[in-house]
Amino acid sequence: MAEAKDMHQCQTANCGFIYNPDKGDRKGKVSKGTKFEKLPEDWKCPICGASKKAFRHLAG
C-alpha cells in the first residue's frame, strides 16, 4: 500500500484528485506501480486536466 509521501494531490480549485501509484491512472493509460516522478511530463490530471505542476505531495 502506498504511503502518503508517495501520493500527490491536485491543487486546482474544485478538484483534489489524489494520484496513488498503487492504482495508476487507467484514463491516462498509466500502469499500477508507476511513481509520480516517472509519469510523462505531458501527463494531465484525469479529472480537471491540470499539469503535473499543479500537484503537491500529500505529506511533507
N, C-alpha and C. Protein backbone atom coordinates (compact mmCIF):
# COMPACT_ATOMS: atom_id res chain seq x y z
N MET A 1 0.84 -1.19 0.00
CA MET A 1 0.00 0.00 0.00
C MET A 1 0.88 1.25 0.00
N ALA A 2 0.56 2.17 -0.87
CA ALA A 2 1.36 3.40 -0.97
C ALA A 2 1.24 4.23 0.29
N GLU A 3 2.34 4.86 0.65
CA GLU A 3 2.35 5.76 1.80
C GLU A 3 1.98 7.16 1.32
N ALA A 4 1.57 8.01 2.24
CA ALA A 4 1.18 9.39 1.89
C ALA A 4 2.31 10.11 1.16
N LYS A 5 3.55 9.84 1.53
CA LYS A 5 4.68 10.52 0.88
C LYS A 5 4.80 10.16 -0.60
N ASP A 6 4.17 9.05 -1.01
CA ASP A 6 4.22 8.62 -2.40
C ASP A 6 3.03 9.10 -3.21
N MET A 7 2.06 9.75 -2.53
CA MET A 7 0.86 10.23 -3.20
C MET A 7 0.94 11.73 -3.42
N HIS A 8 0.29 12.20 -4.46
CA HIS A 8 0.28 13.62 -4.81
C HIS A 8 -1.16 14.05 -5.05
N GLN A 9 -1.50 15.26 -4.61
CA GLN A 9 -2.86 15.78 -4.75
C GLN A 9 -2.89 16.99 -5.66
N CYS A 10 -3.88 17.02 -6.54
CA CYS A 10 -4.08 18.16 -7.43
C CYS A 10 -4.53 19.36 -6.60
N GLN A 11 -3.92 20.50 -6.82
CA GLN A 11 -4.20 21.69 -6.02
C GLN A 11 -5.11 22.69 -6.73
N THR A 12 -5.70 22.32 -7.85
CA THR A 12 -6.57 23.26 -8.54
C THR A 12 -7.91 23.35 -7.81
N ALA A 13 -8.59 24.47 -7.98
CA ALA A 13 -9.89 24.67 -7.34
C ALA A 13 -10.88 23.60 -7.79
N ASN A 14 -11.64 23.09 -6.87
CA ASN A 14 -12.71 22.11 -7.14
C ASN A 14 -12.23 20.77 -7.69
N CYS A 15 -10.98 20.40 -7.45
CA CYS A 15 -10.52 19.10 -7.93
C CYS A 15 -10.10 18.24 -6.74
N GLY A 16 -8.83 18.28 -6.38
CA GLY A 16 -8.35 17.49 -5.25
C GLY A 16 -8.04 16.04 -5.58
N PHE A 17 -8.00 15.68 -6.86
CA PHE A 17 -7.66 14.31 -7.25
C PHE A 17 -6.34 13.90 -6.62
N ILE A 18 -6.28 12.70 -6.09
CA ILE A 18 -5.05 12.18 -5.49
C ILE A 18 -4.49 11.09 -6.39
N TYR A 19 -3.26 11.32 -6.88
CA TYR A 19 -2.60 10.29 -7.67
C TYR A 19 -1.99 9.29 -6.71
N ASN A 20 -2.41 8.04 -6.83
CA ASN A 20 -1.93 6.94 -5.99
C ASN A 20 -1.18 5.96 -6.89
N PRO A 21 0.13 5.78 -6.68
CA PRO A 21 0.88 4.87 -7.54
C PRO A 21 0.38 3.43 -7.48
N ASP A 22 -0.29 3.05 -6.41
CA ASP A 22 -0.84 1.69 -6.32
C ASP A 22 -1.97 1.49 -7.34
N LYS A 23 -2.61 2.57 -7.73
CA LYS A 23 -3.73 2.48 -8.67
C LYS A 23 -3.36 2.89 -10.09
N GLY A 24 -2.36 3.78 -10.23
CA GLY A 24 -2.01 4.28 -11.55
C GLY A 24 -3.11 5.20 -12.05
N ASP A 25 -3.29 5.26 -13.36
CA ASP A 25 -4.31 6.12 -13.96
C ASP A 25 -4.81 5.42 -15.22
N ARG A 26 -5.93 4.72 -15.10
CA ARG A 26 -6.47 3.99 -16.25
C ARG A 26 -6.79 4.93 -17.40
N LYS A 27 -7.40 6.07 -17.10
CA LYS A 27 -7.78 7.02 -18.15
C LYS A 27 -6.55 7.50 -18.92
N GLY A 28 -5.45 7.75 -18.20
CA GLY A 28 -4.22 8.21 -18.82
C GLY A 28 -3.31 7.08 -19.26
N LYS A 29 -3.79 5.84 -19.13
CA LYS A 29 -3.03 4.64 -19.51
C LYS A 29 -1.70 4.54 -18.78
N VAL A 30 -1.74 4.84 -17.47
CA VAL A 30 -0.56 4.73 -16.61
C VAL A 30 -0.73 3.47 -15.77
N SER A 31 0.24 2.58 -15.84
CA SER A 31 0.17 1.30 -15.15
C SER A 31 0.25 1.46 -13.64
N LYS A 32 -0.38 0.52 -12.94
CA LYS A 32 -0.25 0.45 -11.48
C LYS A 32 1.23 0.33 -11.15
N GLY A 33 1.64 0.98 -10.06
CA GLY A 33 3.02 0.91 -9.62
C GLY A 33 3.90 2.02 -10.17
N THR A 34 3.35 2.88 -11.03
CA THR A 34 4.13 3.98 -11.60
C THR A 34 4.20 5.13 -10.61
N LYS A 35 5.42 5.47 -10.21
CA LYS A 35 5.61 6.58 -9.28
C LYS A 35 5.30 7.90 -9.98
N PHE A 36 4.86 8.88 -9.21
CA PHE A 36 4.51 10.19 -9.75
C PHE A 36 5.67 10.78 -10.55
N GLU A 37 6.87 10.64 -10.02
CA GLU A 37 8.06 11.19 -10.67
C GLU A 37 8.32 10.55 -12.04
N LYS A 38 7.79 9.36 -12.26
CA LYS A 38 8.00 8.65 -13.51
C LYS A 38 6.89 8.89 -14.53
N LEU A 39 5.85 9.66 -14.15
CA LEU A 39 4.79 9.98 -15.09
C LEU A 39 5.37 10.83 -16.21
N PRO A 40 4.86 10.69 -17.44
CA PRO A 40 5.35 11.54 -18.54
C PRO A 40 5.13 13.01 -18.20
N GLU A 41 6.00 13.87 -18.69
CA GLU A 41 5.89 15.30 -18.41
C GLU A 41 4.59 15.89 -18.94
N ASP A 42 4.01 15.28 -19.97
CA ASP A 42 2.76 15.80 -20.52
C ASP A 42 1.52 15.15 -19.91
N TRP A 43 1.70 14.36 -18.84
CA TRP A 43 0.57 13.74 -18.15
C TRP A 43 -0.32 14.83 -17.55
N LYS A 44 -1.63 14.60 -17.59
CA LYS A 44 -2.61 15.55 -17.07
C LYS A 44 -3.50 14.87 -16.03
N CYS A 45 -4.01 15.65 -15.10
CA CYS A 45 -4.97 15.16 -14.12
C CYS A 45 -6.18 14.58 -14.86
N PRO A 46 -6.59 13.36 -14.52
CA PRO A 46 -7.71 12.75 -15.23
C PRO A 46 -9.05 13.40 -14.90
N ILE A 47 -9.11 14.22 -13.88
CA ILE A 47 -10.36 14.89 -13.50
C ILE A 47 -10.47 16.27 -14.13
N CYS A 48 -9.44 17.11 -13.94
CA CYS A 48 -9.55 18.50 -14.37
C CYS A 48 -8.59 18.89 -15.49
N GLY A 49 -7.65 18.02 -15.85
CA GLY A 49 -6.73 18.30 -16.94
C GLY A 49 -5.52 19.14 -16.56
N ALA A 50 -5.31 19.37 -15.25
CA ALA A 50 -4.15 20.16 -14.80
C ALA A 50 -2.85 19.40 -15.06
N SER A 51 -1.77 20.15 -15.21
CA SER A 51 -0.45 19.54 -15.44
C SER A 51 0.13 19.02 -14.12
N LYS A 52 1.23 18.30 -14.24
CA LYS A 52 1.91 17.76 -13.05
C LYS A 52 2.32 18.87 -12.09
N LYS A 53 2.56 20.07 -12.61
CA LYS A 53 2.99 21.19 -11.76
C LYS A 53 1.92 21.60 -10.76
N ALA A 54 0.66 21.22 -11.00
CA ALA A 54 -0.44 21.58 -10.11
C ALA A 54 -0.54 20.62 -8.92
N PHE A 55 0.30 19.59 -8.89
CA PHE A 55 0.24 18.58 -7.83
C PHE A 55 1.28 18.83 -6.76
N ARG A 56 0.91 18.46 -5.53
CA ARG A 56 1.82 18.56 -4.38
C ARG A 56 1.78 17.25 -3.61
N HIS A 57 2.89 16.95 -2.90
CA HIS A 57 2.92 15.76 -2.03
C HIS A 57 1.80 15.86 -1.01
N LEU A 58 1.20 14.74 -0.68
CA LEU A 58 0.18 14.72 0.36
C LEU A 58 0.81 14.97 1.73
N ALA A 59 1.96 14.38 1.96
CA ALA A 59 2.64 14.53 3.26
C ALA A 59 4.01 15.14 3.01
N GLY A 60 4.37 16.05 3.87
CA GLY A 60 5.71 16.62 3.78
C GLY A 60 5.72 17.86 3.09
